[in-house]
Amino acid sequence: MNDKLANWRWVVGSLLLTSSLATGLWGLSTSDVLADRGESEREHASDRNSGRDGDDGGGSRAQGAARNASYQQECGSCHLPYPARFLAAANWQSMMGGLNDHFGENAELDEATRSALQQYLVANSADQGNYQGRRYLDQSGQGSLRITEQRFFLRKHDEIPRRMVADNPKVGSFSQCDACHQNAAQGDFDEDGVKIPGFGRWDD
């Protein structure tokens, strides 16, 4: 009788231990996804309640567009005017100081315009801007001048096959954010708004 009871206790204990381990592993595997979603929700909530320049969307979009008309016009005429929060202040200063060789192109501006744009970008950069901009910083606090080489960007896009973006003639590069992010022009890069040309909605 005692042997049977001991065996049952061993079986029940083993089942409980296995269940606990499986639950723990599942929790670890989903923690990054849940953390990203939580960050995104906090980010959008902060945008809606923020009175800062509206490069990030939210309730201040209309006001931000008016205040940043020069940024939209000068930078947005060639590519998506990327949110200032995607780079650190030092990165923006370096980039705006070398517009004569802007990733292989001459993007020089008159000094007054260049200075005003640099001031805006620095004031709203990852280490100077509102809410949780520091999460966009590379470990060095600066990283590459290319947004597509930033640690946060690589982490967000690590599961997307190259053939769907860089090798996709309808996209061409991971830097063409607005080709897939339907609301990128409003500073909204939520994955729920991703639709990859030729492939459809992306859902990881």
N, C-alpha and C. Protein backbone atom coordinates (compact mmCIF):
# COMPACT_ATOMS: atom_id res chain seq x y z
N MET A 1 0.84 -1.20 0.00
CA MET A 1 0.00 0.00 0.00
C MET A 1 0.87 1.25 0.00
N ASN A 2 1.90 1.24 0.86
CA ASN A 2 2.80 2.38 0.94
C ASN A 2 3.57 2.58 -0.36
N ASP A 3 3.93 1.42 -1.00
CA ASP A 3 4.65 1.50 -2.27
C ASP A 3 3.78 2.13 -3.35
N LYS A 4 2.49 1.75 -3.40
CA LYS A 4 1.57 2.30 -4.40
C LYS A 4 1.39 3.80 -4.18
N LEU A 5 1.24 4.20 -2.92
CA LEU A 5 1.06 5.62 -2.60
C LEU A 5 2.30 6.41 -2.99
N ALA A 6 3.46 5.84 -2.72
CA ALA A 6 4.71 6.52 -3.08
C ALA A 6 4.83 6.68 -4.59
N ASN A 7 4.42 5.63 -5.32
CA ASN A 7 4.47 5.69 -6.79
C ASN A 7 3.53 6.77 -7.32
N TRP A 8 2.34 6.84 -6.77
CA TRP A 8 1.37 7.85 -7.21
C TRP A 8 1.90 9.25 -6.91
N ARG A 9 2.51 9.40 -5.74
CA ARG A 9 3.06 10.70 -5.40
C ARG A 9 4.17 11.09 -6.37
N TRP A 10 4.97 10.11 -6.77
CA TRP A 10 6.06 10.38 -7.71
C TRP A 10 5.51 10.79 -9.07
N VAL A 11 4.46 10.06 -9.52
CA VAL A 11 3.85 10.38 -10.82
C VAL A 11 3.24 11.77 -10.80
N VAL A 12 2.47 12.09 -9.78
CA VAL A 12 1.82 13.40 -9.67
C VAL A 12 2.87 14.51 -9.58
N GLY A 13 3.90 14.27 -8.79
CA GLY A 13 4.98 15.26 -8.66
C GLY A 13 5.67 15.52 -9.99
N SER A 14 5.93 14.44 -10.74
CA SER A 14 6.58 14.57 -12.05
C SER A 14 5.72 15.38 -13.01
N LEU A 15 4.40 15.09 -13.00
CA LEU A 15 3.48 15.82 -13.87
C LEU A 15 3.44 17.31 -13.52
N LEU A 16 3.41 17.61 -12.23
CA LEU A 16 3.39 19.01 -11.80
C LEU A 16 4.68 19.73 -12.18
N LEU A 17 5.81 19.06 -12.02
CA LEU A 17 7.09 19.66 -12.36
C LEU A 17 7.19 19.92 -13.87
N THR A 18 6.78 18.93 -14.67
CA THR A 18 6.81 19.09 -16.13
C THR A 18 5.91 20.24 -16.57
N SER A 19 4.72 20.32 -15.97
CA SER A 19 3.78 21.39 -16.30
C SER A 19 4.36 22.76 -15.96
N SER A 20 5.00 22.86 -14.80
CA SER A 20 5.60 24.12 -14.37
C SER A 20 6.73 24.55 -15.31
N LEU A 21 7.57 23.59 -15.69
CA LEU A 21 8.67 23.90 -16.61
C LEU A 21 8.15 24.34 -17.97
N ALA A 22 7.13 23.66 -18.48
CA ALA A 22 6.56 24.02 -19.78
C ALA A 22 5.96 25.42 -19.75
N THR A 23 5.27 25.72 -18.65
CA THR A 23 4.68 27.06 -18.51
C THR A 23 5.76 28.12 -18.45
N GLY A 24 6.84 27.83 -17.73
CA GLY A 24 7.94 28.79 -17.63
C GLY A 24 8.60 29.05 -18.98
N LEU A 25 8.84 27.97 -19.74
CA LEU A 25 9.46 28.12 -21.06
C LEU A 25 8.55 28.89 -22.01
N TRP A 26 7.26 28.62 -21.95
CA TRP A 26 6.31 29.36 -22.79
C TRP A 26 6.32 30.84 -22.43
N GLY A 27 6.39 31.12 -21.14
CA GLY A 27 6.42 32.51 -20.69
C GLY A 27 7.65 33.24 -21.19
N LEU A 28 8.80 32.57 -21.16
CA LEU A 28 10.03 33.17 -21.67
C LEU A 28 9.95 33.44 -23.16
N SER A 29 9.35 32.51 -23.90
CA SER A 29 9.30 32.66 -25.36
C SER A 29 8.37 33.78 -25.79
N THR A 30 7.39 34.13 -24.98
CA THR A 30 6.44 35.17 -25.36
C THR A 30 6.72 36.51 -24.70
N SER A 31 7.68 36.56 -23.79
CA SER A 31 7.92 37.79 -23.04
C SER A 31 8.36 38.94 -23.94
N ASP A 32 9.23 38.65 -24.93
CA ASP A 32 9.69 39.71 -25.83
C ASP A 32 8.55 40.27 -26.66
N VAL A 33 7.67 39.37 -27.15
CA VAL A 33 6.54 39.83 -27.95
C VAL A 33 5.62 40.72 -27.12
N LEU A 34 5.32 40.27 -25.91
CA LEU A 34 4.43 41.05 -25.04
C LEU A 34 5.07 42.37 -24.65
N ALA A 35 6.38 42.34 -24.42
CA ALA A 35 7.09 43.57 -24.06
C ALA A 35 7.04 44.57 -25.21
N ASP A 36 7.25 44.08 -26.44
CA ASP A 36 7.19 44.96 -27.60
C ASP A 36 5.81 45.56 -27.75
N ARG A 37 4.77 44.73 -27.57
CA ARG A 37 3.41 45.25 -27.69
C ARG A 37 3.13 46.28 -26.61
N GLY A 38 3.62 46.01 -25.40
CA GLY A 38 3.42 46.96 -24.31
C GLY A 38 4.12 48.27 -24.59
N GLU A 39 5.34 48.19 -25.13
CA GLU A 39 6.07 49.41 -25.47
C GLU A 39 5.34 50.20 -26.53
N SER A 40 4.81 49.47 -27.53
CA SER A 40 4.09 50.15 -28.60
C SER A 40 2.84 50.83 -28.09
N GLU A 41 2.10 50.16 -27.20
CA GLU A 41 0.89 50.76 -26.64
C GLU A 41 1.22 51.97 -25.80
N ARG A 42 2.29 51.88 -24.98
CA ARG A 42 2.69 53.03 -24.17
C ARG A 42 3.14 54.18 -25.05
N GLU A 43 3.83 53.83 -26.13
CA GLU A 43 4.33 54.85 -27.06
C GLU A 43 3.18 55.62 -27.68
N HIS A 44 2.16 54.89 -28.17
CA HIS A 44 1.02 55.56 -28.78
C HIS A 44 0.24 56.38 -27.77
N ALA A 45 0.11 55.86 -26.56
CA ALA A 45 -0.61 56.61 -25.52
C ALA A 45 0.13 57.90 -25.20
N SER A 46 1.47 57.81 -25.14
CA SER A 46 2.26 58.99 -24.85
C SER A 46 2.16 59.99 -25.98
N ASP A 47 2.15 59.50 -27.23
CA ASP A 47 1.98 60.39 -28.38
C ASP A 47 0.68 61.17 -28.27
N ARG A 48 -0.39 60.48 -27.91
CA ARG A 48 -1.70 61.13 -27.85
C ARG A 48 -1.75 62.20 -26.78
N ASN A 49 -0.99 62.00 -25.70
CA ASN A 49 -1.02 62.94 -24.58
C ASN A 49 0.10 63.97 -24.64
N SER A 50 0.93 63.86 -25.69
CA SER A 50 2.11 64.72 -25.75
C SER A 50 1.84 66.00 -26.50
N GLY A 51 2.50 67.05 -26.08
CA GLY A 51 2.41 68.30 -26.79
C GLY A 51 3.65 68.57 -27.61
N ARG A 52 4.50 67.55 -27.75
CA ARG A 52 5.76 67.74 -28.46
C ARG A 52 5.53 67.66 -29.95
N ASP A 53 6.59 67.96 -30.70
CA ASP A 53 6.51 67.90 -32.15
C ASP A 53 5.97 66.56 -32.58
N GLY A 54 5.07 66.56 -33.54
CA GLY A 54 4.33 65.35 -33.91
C GLY A 54 5.01 64.48 -34.93
N ASP A 55 6.29 64.20 -34.78
CA ASP A 55 6.93 63.31 -35.74
C ASP A 55 6.58 61.87 -35.44
N ASP A 56 5.88 61.62 -34.36
CA ASP A 56 5.61 60.25 -33.95
C ASP A 56 4.13 59.88 -34.03
N GLY A 57 3.31 60.72 -34.60
CA GLY A 57 1.90 60.40 -34.70
C GLY A 57 1.15 60.81 -33.46
N GLY A 58 0.03 60.12 -33.20
CA GLY A 58 -0.77 60.42 -32.02
C GLY A 58 -1.62 61.66 -32.20
N GLY A 59 -2.13 62.19 -31.08
CA GLY A 59 -3.05 63.31 -31.11
C GLY A 59 -2.45 64.60 -31.59
N SER A 60 -1.12 64.71 -31.60
CA SER A 60 -0.49 65.97 -31.98
C SER A 60 -0.04 65.97 -33.44
N ARG A 61 -0.53 65.04 -34.26
CA ARG A 61 -0.06 64.92 -35.63
C ARG A 61 -0.28 66.18 -36.44
N ALA A 62 -1.48 66.74 -36.39
CA ALA A 62 -1.78 67.92 -37.20
C ALA A 62 -0.91 69.09 -36.79
N GLN A 63 -0.77 69.30 -35.48
CA GLN A 63 0.08 70.38 -34.99
C GLN A 63 1.52 70.14 -35.38
N GLY A 64 1.98 68.89 -35.24
CA GLY A 64 3.36 68.57 -35.57
C GLY A 64 3.66 68.79 -37.03
N ALA A 65 2.72 68.41 -37.91
CA ALA A 65 2.94 68.59 -39.34
C ALA A 65 3.12 70.05 -39.68
N ALA A 66 2.36 70.93 -39.02
CA ALA A 66 2.48 72.36 -39.27
C ALA A 66 3.82 72.88 -38.77
N ARG A 67 4.22 72.45 -37.56
CA ARG A 67 5.47 72.93 -36.98
C ARG A 67 6.69 72.42 -37.74
N ASN A 68 6.56 71.24 -38.33
CA ASN A 68 7.71 70.62 -38.99
C ASN A 68 7.57 70.60 -40.50
N ALA A 69 6.91 71.60 -41.04
CA ALA A 69 6.70 71.66 -42.49
C ALA A 69 8.03 71.65 -43.23
N SER A 70 9.03 72.31 -42.69
CA SER A 70 10.33 72.38 -43.34
C SER A 70 10.98 70.99 -43.40
N TYR A 71 10.88 70.24 -42.32
CA TYR A 71 11.44 68.88 -42.29
C TYR A 71 10.72 67.99 -43.30
N GLN A 72 9.39 68.09 -43.32
CA GLN A 72 8.60 67.30 -44.27
C GLN A 72 8.98 67.65 -45.70
N GLN A 73 9.15 68.92 -45.97
CA GLN A 73 9.44 69.38 -47.32
C GLN A 73 10.86 69.03 -47.75
N GLU A 74 11.84 69.38 -46.93
CA GLU A 74 13.24 69.21 -47.31
C GLU A 74 13.68 67.75 -47.33
N CYS A 75 13.32 67.01 -46.29
CA CYS A 75 13.76 65.61 -46.20
C CYS A 75 12.76 64.66 -46.84
N GLY A 76 11.48 65.00 -46.71
CA GLY A 76 10.44 64.14 -47.26
C GLY A 76 10.32 64.18 -48.76
N SER A 77 11.00 65.11 -49.41
CA SER A 77 10.95 65.17 -50.87
C SER A 77 11.76 64.05 -51.51
N CYS A 78 12.69 63.47 -50.76
CA CYS A 78 13.54 62.39 -51.29
C CYS A 78 13.24 61.03 -50.67
N HIS A 79 12.84 61.03 -49.42
CA HIS A 79 12.56 59.76 -48.73
C HIS A 79 11.61 60.05 -47.57
N LEU A 80 11.16 58.98 -46.93
CA LEU A 80 10.31 59.14 -45.76
C LEU A 80 11.03 60.00 -44.72
N PRO A 81 10.41 61.06 -44.22
CA PRO A 81 11.05 61.84 -43.15
C PRO A 81 10.99 61.04 -41.84
N TYR A 82 12.05 60.31 -41.59
CA TYR A 82 12.08 59.38 -40.46
C TYR A 82 11.89 60.11 -39.13
N PRO A 83 11.17 59.50 -38.20
CA PRO A 83 11.00 60.11 -36.88
C PRO A 83 12.34 60.39 -36.22
N ALA A 84 12.47 61.54 -35.62
CA ALA A 84 13.72 61.93 -34.98
C ALA A 84 14.12 60.99 -33.87
N ARG A 85 13.16 60.31 -33.26
CA ARG A 85 13.43 59.42 -32.14
C ARG A 85 14.24 58.19 -32.53
N PHE A 86 14.39 57.95 -33.84
CA PHE A 86 15.09 56.75 -34.28
C PHE A 86 16.61 56.86 -34.17
N LEU A 87 17.14 58.06 -33.95
CA LEU A 87 18.59 58.21 -33.81
C LEU A 87 18.91 59.10 -32.62
N ALA A 88 20.12 58.98 -32.12
CA ALA A 88 20.58 59.81 -31.02
C ALA A 88 20.96 61.20 -31.53
N ALA A 89 21.03 62.15 -30.62
CA ALA A 89 21.35 63.53 -30.97
C ALA A 89 22.67 63.62 -31.72
N ALA A 90 23.69 62.90 -31.24
CA ALA A 90 25.01 62.94 -31.88
C ALA A 90 24.94 62.44 -33.32
N ASN A 91 24.09 61.43 -33.57
CA ASN A 91 23.92 60.92 -34.93
C ASN A 91 23.35 61.99 -35.85
N TRP A 92 22.30 62.67 -35.37
CA TRP A 92 21.67 63.71 -36.19
C TRP A 92 22.65 64.85 -36.44
N GLN A 93 23.42 65.22 -35.44
CA GLN A 93 24.40 66.29 -35.62
C GLN A 93 25.43 65.91 -36.67
N SER A 94 25.89 64.68 -36.61
CA SER A 94 26.87 64.20 -37.58
C SER A 94 26.26 64.16 -38.98
N MET A 95 25.04 63.67 -39.07
CA MET A 95 24.39 63.57 -40.38
C MET A 95 24.15 64.95 -40.99
N MET A 96 23.63 65.87 -40.18
CA MET A 96 23.32 67.20 -40.69
C MET A 96 24.58 68.01 -40.98
N GLY A 97 25.70 67.58 -40.40
CA GLY A 97 26.97 68.26 -40.66
C GLY A 97 27.68 67.74 -41.90
N GLY A 98 27.14 66.68 -42.50
CA GLY A 98 27.77 66.09 -43.68
C GLY A 98 26.81 65.88 -44.82
N LEU A 99 25.91 66.83 -45.04
CA LEU A 99 24.90 66.67 -46.08
C LEU A 99 25.47 66.69 -47.50
N ASN A 100 26.70 67.16 -47.65
CA ASN A 100 27.30 67.13 -48.99
C ASN A 100 27.58 65.70 -49.46
N ASP A 101 27.62 64.75 -48.50
CA ASP A 101 27.77 63.33 -48.83
C ASP A 101 26.78 62.55 -47.98
N HIS A 102 25.51 62.69 -48.32
CA HIS A 102 24.42 62.09 -47.55
C HIS A 102 24.12 60.71 -48.13
N PHE A 103 24.85 59.70 -47.63
CA PHE A 103 24.72 58.33 -48.13
C PHE A 103 24.93 58.29 -49.65
N GLY A 104 25.96 59.03 -50.09
CA GLY A 104 26.31 59.01 -51.51
C GLY A 104 25.66 60.09 -52.35
N GLU A 105 24.80 60.89 -51.73
CA GLU A 105 24.10 61.96 -52.45
C GLU A 105 24.45 63.31 -51.85
N ASN A 106 24.38 64.34 -52.68
CA ASN A 106 24.58 65.71 -52.18
C ASN A 106 23.22 66.26 -51.77
N ALA A 107 23.03 66.46 -50.47
CA ALA A 107 21.75 66.95 -49.96
C ALA A 107 21.94 68.28 -49.22
N GLU A 108 22.92 69.06 -49.66
CA GLU A 108 23.23 70.32 -48.98
C GLU A 108 22.04 71.27 -48.96
N LEU A 109 21.94 72.01 -47.86
CA LEU A 109 20.88 73.01 -47.66
C LEU A 109 21.53 74.34 -47.31
N ASP A 110 20.76 75.42 -47.45
CA ASP A 110 21.29 76.70 -46.97
C ASP A 110 21.44 76.60 -45.45
N GLU A 111 22.35 77.37 -44.90
CA GLU A 111 22.73 77.22 -43.50
C GLU A 111 21.56 77.44 -42.54
N ALA A 112 20.70 78.39 -42.84
CA ALA A 112 19.57 78.66 -41.94
C ALA A 112 18.64 77.45 -41.86
N THR A 113 18.34 76.85 -43.01
CA THR A 113 17.46 75.68 -43.05
C THR A 113 18.13 74.49 -42.38
N ARG A 114 19.41 74.27 -42.70
CA ARG A 114 20.15 73.15 -42.11
C ARG A 114 20.18 73.26 -40.60
N SER A 115 20.46 74.45 -40.09
CA SER A 115 20.55 74.66 -38.65
C SER A 115 19.20 74.43 -37.97
N ALA A 116 18.12 74.91 -38.61
CA ALA A 116 16.79 74.75 -38.03
C ALA A 116 16.38 73.28 -37.99
N LEU A 117 16.68 72.55 -39.05
CA LEU A 117 16.34 71.13 -39.10
C LEU A 117 17.16 70.34 -38.08
N GLN A 118 18.43 70.67 -37.96
CA GLN A 118 19.28 69.99 -36.98
C GLN A 118 18.75 70.25 -35.57
N GLN A 119 18.35 71.47 -35.29
CA GLN A 119 17.81 71.79 -33.96
C GLN A 119 16.57 70.96 -33.66
N TYR A 120 15.68 70.84 -34.65
CA TYR A 120 14.47 70.04 -34.47
C TYR A 120 14.80 68.57 -34.22
N LEU A 121 15.69 68.01 -35.05
CA LEU A 121 16.04 66.60 -34.95
C LEU A 121 16.72 66.27 -33.63
N VAL A 122 17.63 67.13 -33.20
CA VAL A 122 18.33 66.92 -31.93
C VAL A 122 17.35 67.00 -30.76
N ALA A 123 16.46 67.99 -30.80
CA ALA A 123 15.51 68.18 -29.69
C ALA A 123 14.55 67.00 -29.54
N ASN A 124 14.31 66.27 -30.62
CA ASN A 124 13.36 65.15 -30.58
C ASN A 124 14.04 63.80 -30.78
N SER A 125 15.36 63.76 -30.60
CA SER A 125 16.13 62.54 -30.82
C SER A 125 15.89 61.51 -29.72
N ALA A 126 16.47 60.34 -29.91
CA ALA A 126 16.25 59.23 -28.97
C ALA A 126 16.68 59.56 -27.55
N ASP A 127 17.77 60.32 -27.40
CA ASP A 127 18.25 60.62 -26.05
C ASP A 127 17.83 62.00 -25.55
N GLN A 128 17.08 62.73 -26.35
CA GLN A 128 16.60 64.04 -25.93
C GLN A 128 15.08 64.13 -25.93
N GLY A 129 14.44 63.26 -26.71
CA GLY A 129 13.01 63.38 -26.96
C GLY A 129 12.12 62.91 -25.82
N ASN A 130 10.82 62.87 -26.13
CA ASN A 130 9.81 62.53 -25.14
C ASN A 130 9.69 61.01 -24.95
N TYR A 131 8.82 60.61 -24.03
CA TYR A 131 8.51 59.25 -23.58
C TYR A 131 9.74 58.35 -23.49
N GLN A 132 9.72 57.19 -24.14
CA GLN A 132 10.78 56.20 -23.92
C GLN A 132 11.73 56.13 -25.10
N GLY A 133 12.14 57.28 -25.60
CA GLY A 133 13.01 57.31 -26.77
C GLY A 133 14.31 56.57 -26.58
N ARG A 134 14.77 56.45 -25.34
CA ARG A 134 16.06 55.81 -25.11
C ARG A 134 16.08 54.35 -25.52
N ARG A 135 14.93 53.73 -25.65
CA ARG A 135 14.93 52.33 -26.06
C ARG A 135 15.37 52.17 -27.51
N TYR A 136 15.41 53.28 -28.26
CA TYR A 136 15.88 53.22 -29.64
C TYR A 136 17.40 53.34 -29.74
N LEU A 137 18.04 53.69 -28.64
CA LEU A 137 19.48 53.88 -28.67
C LEU A 137 20.22 52.55 -28.77
N ASP A 138 21.30 52.56 -29.52
CA ASP A 138 22.18 51.40 -29.55
C ASP A 138 22.89 51.34 -28.20
N GLN A 139 23.54 50.23 -27.91
CA GLN A 139 24.22 50.09 -26.63
C GLN A 139 25.28 51.16 -26.43
N SER A 140 25.86 51.62 -27.53
CA SER A 140 26.88 52.65 -27.43
C SER A 140 26.28 54.01 -27.14
N GLY A 141 24.95 54.11 -27.29
CA GLY A 141 24.29 55.41 -27.15
C GLY A 141 24.25 56.16 -28.46
N GLN A 142 24.92 55.63 -29.48
CA GLN A 142 24.93 56.30 -30.78
C GLN A 142 24.70 55.29 -31.91
N GLY A 143 25.65 54.39 -32.11
CA GLY A 143 25.49 53.41 -33.17
C GLY A 143 25.71 54.01 -34.54
N SER A 144 25.24 53.32 -35.56
CA SER A 144 25.41 53.74 -36.94
C SER A 144 24.50 54.92 -37.28
N LEU A 145 24.85 55.66 -38.33
CA LEU A 145 23.97 56.71 -38.81
C LEU A 145 22.80 56.13 -39.58
N ARG A 146 22.92 54.89 -40.00
CA ARG A 146 21.83 54.24 -40.73
C ARG A 146 20.82 53.66 -39.74
N ILE A 147 19.59 54.07 -39.89
CA ILE A 147 18.52 53.56 -39.02
C ILE A 147 18.38 52.06 -39.16
N THR A 148 18.57 51.55 -40.38
CA THR A 148 18.42 50.11 -40.62
C THR A 148 19.52 49.28 -39.97
N GLU A 149 20.54 49.92 -39.43
CA GLU A 149 21.61 49.20 -38.73
C GLU A 149 21.51 49.35 -37.23
N GLN A 150 20.51 50.06 -36.76
CA GLN A 150 20.32 50.25 -35.33
C GLN A 150 19.81 48.94 -34.70
N ARG A 151 20.21 48.69 -33.48
CA ARG A 151 19.86 47.45 -32.79
C ARG A 151 18.34 47.24 -32.71
N PHE A 152 17.58 48.31 -32.40
CA PHE A 152 16.13 48.16 -32.28
C PHE A 152 15.52 47.78 -33.62
N PHE A 153 16.05 48.35 -34.71
CA PHE A 153 15.52 48.07 -36.04
C PHE A 153 15.78 46.61 -36.43
N LEU A 154 17.00 46.16 -36.20
CA LEU A 154 17.35 44.78 -36.52
C LEU A 154 16.52 43.79 -35.72
N ARG A 155 16.28 44.12 -34.45
CA ARG A 155 15.48 43.22 -33.60
C ARG A 155 14.04 43.14 -34.09
N LYS A 156 13.51 44.27 -34.55
CA LYS A 156 12.12 44.30 -35.02
C LYS A 156 11.93 43.60 -36.36
N HIS A 157 13.01 43.50 -37.16
CA HIS A 157 12.89 42.95 -38.50
C HIS A 157 13.63 41.63 -38.69
N ASP A 158 14.09 41.03 -37.61
CA ASP A 158 14.94 39.85 -37.73
C ASP A 158 14.24 38.62 -38.29
N GLU A 159 12.90 38.58 -38.26
CA GLU A 159 12.18 37.41 -38.75
C GLU A 159 11.68 37.58 -40.18
N ILE A 160 11.89 38.76 -40.75
CA ILE A 160 11.38 39.02 -42.09
C ILE A 160 12.44 38.62 -43.12
N PRO A 161 12.12 37.67 -44.00
CA PRO A 161 13.09 37.21 -45.00
C PRO A 161 13.51 38.33 -45.95
N ARG A 162 14.76 38.34 -46.33
CA ARG A 162 15.29 39.34 -47.26
C ARG A 162 14.52 39.35 -48.58
N ARG A 163 14.08 38.20 -49.03
CA ARG A 163 13.39 38.09 -50.31
C ARG A 163 12.09 38.90 -50.31
N MET A 164 11.52 39.14 -49.13
CA MET A 164 10.26 39.87 -49.04
C MET A 164 10.46 41.38 -49.04
N VAL A 165 11.68 41.82 -48.78
CA VAL A 165 11.94 43.26 -48.69
C VAL A 165 13.06 43.70 -49.63
N ALA A 166 14.31 43.43 -49.24
CA ALA A 166 15.45 43.89 -50.03
C ALA A 166 15.46 43.31 -51.44
N ASP A 167 15.06 42.07 -51.60
CA ASP A 167 15.03 41.43 -52.92
C ASP A 167 13.67 41.55 -53.59
N ASN A 168 12.78 42.29 -52.98
CA ASN A 168 11.44 42.50 -53.53
C ASN A 168 11.44 43.78 -54.36
N PRO A 169 11.27 43.70 -55.68
CA PRO A 169 11.32 44.90 -56.53
C PRO A 169 10.26 45.93 -56.18
N LYS A 170 9.21 45.52 -55.46
CA LYS A 170 8.17 46.47 -55.07
C LYS A 170 8.53 47.22 -53.79
N VAL A 171 9.62 46.81 -53.14
CA VAL A 171 10.10 47.48 -51.93
C VAL A 171 11.52 48.00 -52.15
N GLY A 172 12.47 47.07 -52.35
CA GLY A 172 13.82 47.45 -52.71
C GLY A 172 14.81 47.58 -51.58
N SER A 173 14.35 47.93 -50.39
CA SER A 173 15.28 48.13 -49.27
C SER A 173 14.49 48.18 -47.96
N PHE A 174 15.16 47.79 -46.88
CA PHE A 174 14.54 47.90 -45.56
C PHE A 174 14.38 49.36 -45.15
N SER A 175 15.06 50.27 -45.83
CA SER A 175 14.93 51.69 -45.51
C SER A 175 13.65 52.31 -46.07
N GLN A 176 12.97 51.59 -46.95
CA GLN A 176 11.73 52.08 -47.55
C GLN A 176 10.55 51.72 -46.63
N CYS A 177 10.56 52.28 -45.45
CA CYS A 177 9.58 51.92 -44.41
C CYS A 177 8.13 52.05 -44.89
N ASP A 178 7.86 53.13 -45.62
CA ASP A 178 6.48 53.40 -46.03
C ASP A 178 5.98 52.45 -47.11
N ALA A 179 6.85 51.61 -47.67
CA ALA A 179 6.40 50.62 -48.64
C ALA A 179 5.59 49.52 -47.95
N CYS A 180 5.92 49.24 -46.69
CA CYS A 180 5.25 48.17 -45.95
C CYS A 180 4.40 48.68 -44.78
N HIS A 181 4.91 49.71 -44.10
CA HIS A 181 4.17 50.29 -42.97
C HIS A 181 3.18 51.32 -43.53
N GLN A 182 1.93 50.94 -43.56
CA GLN A 182 0.92 51.77 -44.21
C GLN A 182 0.76 53.15 -43.59
N ASN A 183 1.08 53.29 -42.32
CA ASN A 183 0.90 54.56 -41.63
C ASN A 183 2.21 55.23 -41.25
N ALA A 184 3.28 54.87 -41.96
CA ALA A 184 4.61 55.40 -41.64
C ALA A 184 4.67 56.91 -41.75
N ALA A 185 3.95 57.49 -42.69
CA ALA A 185 3.98 58.94 -42.89
C ALA A 185 3.47 59.68 -41.66
N GLN A 186 2.65 59.01 -40.85
CA GLN A 186 2.13 59.60 -39.61
C GLN A 186 2.98 59.20 -38.40
N GLY A 187 4.09 58.54 -38.65
CA GLY A 187 4.96 58.13 -37.55
C GLY A 187 4.48 56.89 -36.84
N ASP A 188 3.55 56.14 -37.45
CA ASP A 188 2.99 54.94 -36.84
C ASP A 188 3.61 53.72 -37.52
N PHE A 189 4.42 52.97 -36.77
CA PHE A 189 5.09 51.80 -37.31
C PHE A 189 4.61 50.51 -36.65
N ASP A 190 3.40 50.54 -36.11
CA ASP A 190 2.84 49.36 -35.45
C ASP A 190 2.75 48.21 -36.45
N GLU A 191 3.10 47.01 -36.00
CA GLU A 191 3.12 45.86 -36.90
C GLU A 191 1.74 45.49 -37.41
N ASP A 192 0.68 45.95 -36.74
CA ASP A 192 -0.67 45.67 -37.23
C ASP A 192 -0.95 46.39 -38.54
N GLY A 193 -0.15 47.41 -38.85
CA GLY A 193 -0.35 48.16 -40.09
C GLY A 193 0.63 47.78 -41.17
N VAL A 194 1.28 46.62 -41.05
CA VAL A 194 2.27 46.19 -42.04
C VAL A 194 1.61 45.36 -43.12
N LYS A 195 1.87 45.76 -44.37
CA LYS A 195 1.39 45.01 -45.52
C LYS A 195 2.51 45.03 -46.55
N ILE A 196 3.16 43.90 -46.76
CA ILE A 196 4.32 43.82 -47.64
C ILE A 196 3.85 43.64 -49.09
N PRO A 197 4.21 44.56 -49.97
CA PRO A 197 3.80 44.45 -51.38
C PRO A 197 4.16 43.10 -51.99
N GLY A 198 3.17 42.49 -52.60
CA GLY A 198 3.39 41.18 -53.22
C GLY A 198 3.22 40.01 -52.28
N PHE A 199 3.14 40.28 -50.98
CA PHE A 199 3.01 39.21 -49.99
C PHE A 199 1.80 39.40 -49.08
N GLY A 200 1.36 40.61 -48.92
CA GLY A 200 0.20 40.86 -48.06
C GLY A 200 0.58 41.20 -46.63
N ARG A 201 -0.38 41.05 -45.74
CA ARG A 201 -0.20 41.44 -44.35
C ARG A 201 0.82 40.56 -43.67
N TRP A 202 1.72 41.19 -42.90
CA TRP A 202 2.72 40.45 -42.13
C TRP A 202 2.25 40.28 -40.72
N ASP A 203 2.31 39.06 -40.23
CA ASP A 203 1.91 38.79 -38.84
C ASP A 203 2.84 37.71 -38.30
N ASP A 204 3.74 38.16 -37.38
CA ASP A 204 4.66 37.18 -36.79
C ASP A 204 4.05 36.55 -35.55
